[in-house]
Amino acid sequence: MKLDMTKMIQRIGYLEGAIEGIKLYAIWRNGEQQVGCLERPLKEVLKPYKEELTRLISVRTEDRCEWREDVDGDYETSCDNLFILIDGTPTDNGMSFCPYCGRVLITTS
């Protein structure tokens, strides 16, 4: 499955606009409807995702090294290597560049 990151950014922008100004949400507890409020504004919640997508779009395809997680949880790289992480994902571990080829590291599903 190929991700269209431009469309993803547009959808995030749409969500921000659609939910702008909504500060309350309804929940049900013990059969009664109660109202709560968002702890953080939606724009603040979505900001890191939007920034990451924008960064990924700005990187030319030939300057990317795509990593795909295999069934064992290891990562196969587009530069024909295998990388094993003990815990978390490359993003969780602060990895931005492929240690094999030095290109920008992109994880795909």
C-alpha atoms as a PDB file:
ATOM      1  CA  MET A   1       0.000   0.000   0.000  1.00  0.00           C
ATOM      2  CA  LYS A   2       1.497   3.295  -1.084  1.00  0.00           C
ATOM      3  CA  LEU A   3       0.716   6.307   1.079  1.00  0.00           C
ATOM      4  CA  ASP A   4      -0.204   9.567  -0.618  1.00  0.00           C
ATOM      5  CA  MET A   5       1.273  11.923   1.948  1.00  0.00           C
ATOM      6  CA  THR A   6      -0.010  15.060   0.206  1.00  0.00           C
ATOM      7  CA  LYS A   7      -3.579  13.796   0.562  1.00  0.00           C
ATOM      8  CA  MET A   8      -2.901  12.891   4.195  1.00  0.00           C
ATOM      9  CA  ILE A   9      -1.815  16.468   4.962  1.00  0.00           C
ATOM     10  CA  GLN A  10      -4.900  17.804   3.195  1.00  0.00           C
ATOM     11  CA  ARG A  11      -7.096  15.489   5.294  1.00  0.00           C
ATOM     12  CA  ILE A  12      -5.426  16.648   8.508  1.00  0.00           C
ATOM     13  CA  GLY A  13      -6.069  20.241   7.446  1.00  0.00           C
ATOM     14  CA  TYR A  14      -9.707  19.368   6.766  1.00  0.00           C
ATOM     15  CA  LEU A  15     -10.056  17.719  10.182  1.00  0.00           C
ATOM     16  CA  GLU A  16      -8.536  20.750  11.871  1.00  0.00           C
ATOM     17  CA  GLY A  17     -11.037  23.004  10.108  1.00  0.00           C
ATOM     18  CA  ALA A  18     -13.998  20.719  10.760  1.00  0.00           C
ATOM     19  CA  ILE A  19     -13.284  20.392  14.464  1.00  0.00           C
ATOM     20  CA  GLU A  20     -12.019  23.942  15.027  1.00  0.00           C
ATOM     21  CA  GLY A  21     -13.883  25.514  17.905  1.00  0.00           C
ATOM     22  CA  ILE A  22     -15.270  22.254  19.274  1.00  0.00           C
ATOM     23  CA  LYS A  23     -14.183  22.149  22.875  1.00  0.00           C
ATOM     24  CA  LEU A  24     -16.681  19.689  24.389  1.00  0.00           C
ATOM     25  CA  TYR A  25     -17.443  16.030  23.947  1.00  0.00           C
ATOM     26  CA  ALA A  26     -20.153  13.789  25.346  1.00  0.00           C
ATOM     27  CA  ILE A  27     -19.470  10.540  27.188  1.00  0.00           C
ATOM     28  CA  TRP A  28     -21.678   8.003  28.898  1.00  0.00           C
ATOM     29  CA  ARG A  29     -20.961   6.866  32.453  1.00  0.00           C
ATOM     30  CA  ASN A  30     -23.262   4.620  34.458  1.00  0.00           C
ATOM     31  CA  GLY A  31     -26.055   5.196  31.950  1.00  0.00           C
ATOM     32  CA  GLU A  32     -25.840   8.992  32.160  1.00  0.00           C
ATOM     33  CA  GLN A  33     -24.568  11.351  29.506  1.00  0.00           C
ATOM     34  CA  GLN A  34     -21.810  13.601  30.790  1.00  0.00           C
ATOM     35  CA  VAL A  35     -19.880  16.349  29.077  1.00  0.00           C
ATOM     36  CA  GLY A  36     -16.112  16.697  29.212  1.00  0.00           C
ATOM     37  CA  CYS A  37     -13.668  18.981  27.495  1.00  0.00           C
ATOM     38  CA  LEU A  38     -10.620  18.356  25.363  1.00  0.00           C
ATOM     39  CA  GLU A  39      -7.422  18.516  27.389  1.00  0.00           C
ATOM     40  CA  ARG A  40      -5.352  19.693  24.420  1.00  0.00           C
ATOM     41  CA  PRO A  41      -6.452  21.583  21.320  1.00  0.00           C
ATOM     42  CA  LEU A  42      -6.732  19.368  18.248  1.00  0.00           C
ATOM     43  CA  LYS A  43      -4.180  21.439  16.326  1.00  0.00           C
ATOM     44  CA  GLU A  44      -1.655  20.762  19.094  1.00  0.00           C
ATOM     45  CA  VAL A  45      -2.383  17.018  18.972  1.00  0.00           C
ATOM     46  CA  LEU A  46      -2.070  16.840  15.167  1.00  0.00           C
ATOM     47  CA  LYS A  47       0.923  19.194  14.835  1.00  0.00           C
ATOM     48  CA  PRO A  48       3.719  16.574  15.147  1.00  0.00           C
ATOM     49  CA  TYR A  49       2.033  14.310  12.584  1.00  0.00           C
ATOM     50  CA  LYS A  50       1.531  17.160  10.148  1.00  0.00           C
ATOM     51  CA  GLU A  51       5.165  18.276  10.566  1.00  0.00           C
ATOM     52  CA  GLU A  52       6.457  14.745   9.958  1.00  0.00           C
ATOM     53  CA  LEU A  53       4.297  14.304   6.845  1.00  0.00           C
ATOM     54  CA  THR A  54       5.445  17.663   5.510  1.00  0.00           C
ATOM     55  CA  ARG A  55       9.081  16.663   6.101  1.00  0.00           C
ATOM     56  CA  LEU A  56       8.585  13.342   4.314  1.00  0.00           C
ATOM     57  CA  ILE A  57       6.942  14.985   1.308  1.00  0.00           C
ATOM     58  CA  SER A  58       9.833  17.410   0.945  1.00  0.00           C
ATOM     59  CA  VAL A  59      12.353  14.565   0.587  1.00  0.00           C
ATOM     60  CA  ARG A  60      12.844  13.410  -3.011  1.00  0.00           C
ATOM     61  CA  THR A  61      12.135   9.722  -3.608  1.00  0.00           C
ATOM     62  CA  GLU A  62      15.750   8.970  -4.567  1.00  0.00           C
ATOM     63  CA  ASP A  63      16.922  10.467  -1.254  1.00  0.00           C
ATOM     64  CA  ARG A  64      14.738   8.124   0.825  1.00  0.00           C
ATOM     65  CA  CYS A  65      15.457   4.705   2.258  1.00  0.00           C
ATOM     66  CA  GLU A  66      12.162   2.931   2.847  1.00  0.00           C
ATOM     67  CA  TRP A  67      11.986   0.453   5.695  1.00  0.00           C
ATOM     68  CA  ARG A  68       9.228  -2.169   5.796  1.00  0.00           C
ATOM     69  CA  GLU A  69       8.491  -4.183   8.910  1.00  0.00           C
ATOM     70  CA  ASP A  70       8.419  -7.917   8.174  1.00  0.00           C
ATOM     71  CA  VAL A  71       6.383 -10.607   9.959  1.00  0.00           C
ATOM     72  CA  ASP A  72       9.125 -11.052  12.574  1.00  0.00           C
ATOM     73  CA  GLY A  73       9.141  -7.347  13.460  1.00  0.00           C
ATOM     74  CA  ASP A  74      12.486  -6.745  11.730  1.00  0.00           C
ATOM     75  CA  TYR A  75      12.933  -4.035   9.092  1.00  0.00           C
ATOM     76  CA  GLU A  76      13.861  -4.712   5.474  1.00  0.00           C
ATOM     77  CA  THR A  77      15.478  -1.646   3.905  1.00  0.00           C
ATOM     78  CA  SER A  78      15.265  -0.429   0.316  1.00  0.00           C
ATOM     79  CA  CYS A  79      19.086  -0.482   0.295  1.00  0.00           C
ATOM     80  CA  ASP A  80      18.859  -4.289   0.710  1.00  0.00           C
ATOM     81  CA  ASN A  81      19.715  -4.648   4.391  1.00  0.00           C
ATOM     82  CA  LEU A  82      17.936  -5.985   7.465  1.00  0.00           C
ATOM     83  CA  PHE A  83      17.724  -4.002  10.698  1.00  0.00           C
ATOM     84  CA  ILE A  84      16.584  -5.471  14.015  1.00  0.00           C
ATOM     85  CA  LEU A  85      15.272  -3.302  16.834  1.00  0.00           C
ATOM     86  CA  ILE A  86      14.932  -4.768  20.310  1.00  0.00           C
ATOM     87  CA  ASP A  87      12.246  -2.291  21.364  1.00  0.00           C
ATOM     88  CA  GLY A  88       9.974   0.159  19.517  1.00  0.00           C
ATOM     89  CA  THR A  89      10.075   1.468  15.986  1.00  0.00           C
ATOM     90  CA  PRO A  90      12.742   3.510  14.201  1.00  0.00           C
ATOM     91  CA  THR A  91      10.704   6.644  14.990  1.00  0.00           C
ATOM     92  CA  ASP A  92      10.374   5.639  18.665  1.00  0.00           C
ATOM     93  CA  ASN A  93      14.158   5.298  18.761  1.00  0.00           C
ATOM     94  CA  GLY A  94      14.802   8.713  17.165  1.00  0.00           C
ATOM     95  CA  MET A  95      16.158   7.301  13.920  1.00  0.00           C
ATOM     96  CA  SER A  96      15.960   9.760  11.003  1.00  0.00           C
ATOM     97  CA  PHE A  97      18.614   8.338   8.657  1.00  0.00           C
ATOM     98  CA  CYS A  98      19.430   4.838   7.457  1.00  0.00           C
ATOM     99  CA  PRO A  99      22.676   3.687   9.103  1.00  0.00           C
ATOM    100  CA  TYR A 100      23.554   1.691   5.960  1.00  0.00           C
ATOM    101  CA  CYS A 101      23.114   4.208   3.126  1.00  0.00           C
ATOM    102  CA  GLY A 102      22.703   7.506   4.994  1.00  0.00           C
ATOM    103  CA  ARG A 103      19.486   8.481   3.205  1.00  0.00           C
ATOM    104  CA  VAL A 104      16.370   9.791   5.022  1.00  0.00           C
ATOM    105  CA  LEU A 105      14.668   6.877   6.756  1.00  0.00           C
ATOM    106  CA  ILE A 106      10.987   6.378   5.873  1.00  0.00           C
ATOM    107  CA  THR A 107       8.947   3.559   7.424  1.00  0.00           C
ATOM    108  CA  THR A 108       6.097   2.153   5.351  1.00  0.00           C
ATOM    109  CA  SER A 109       3.494  -0.490   5.983  1.00  0.00           C
END
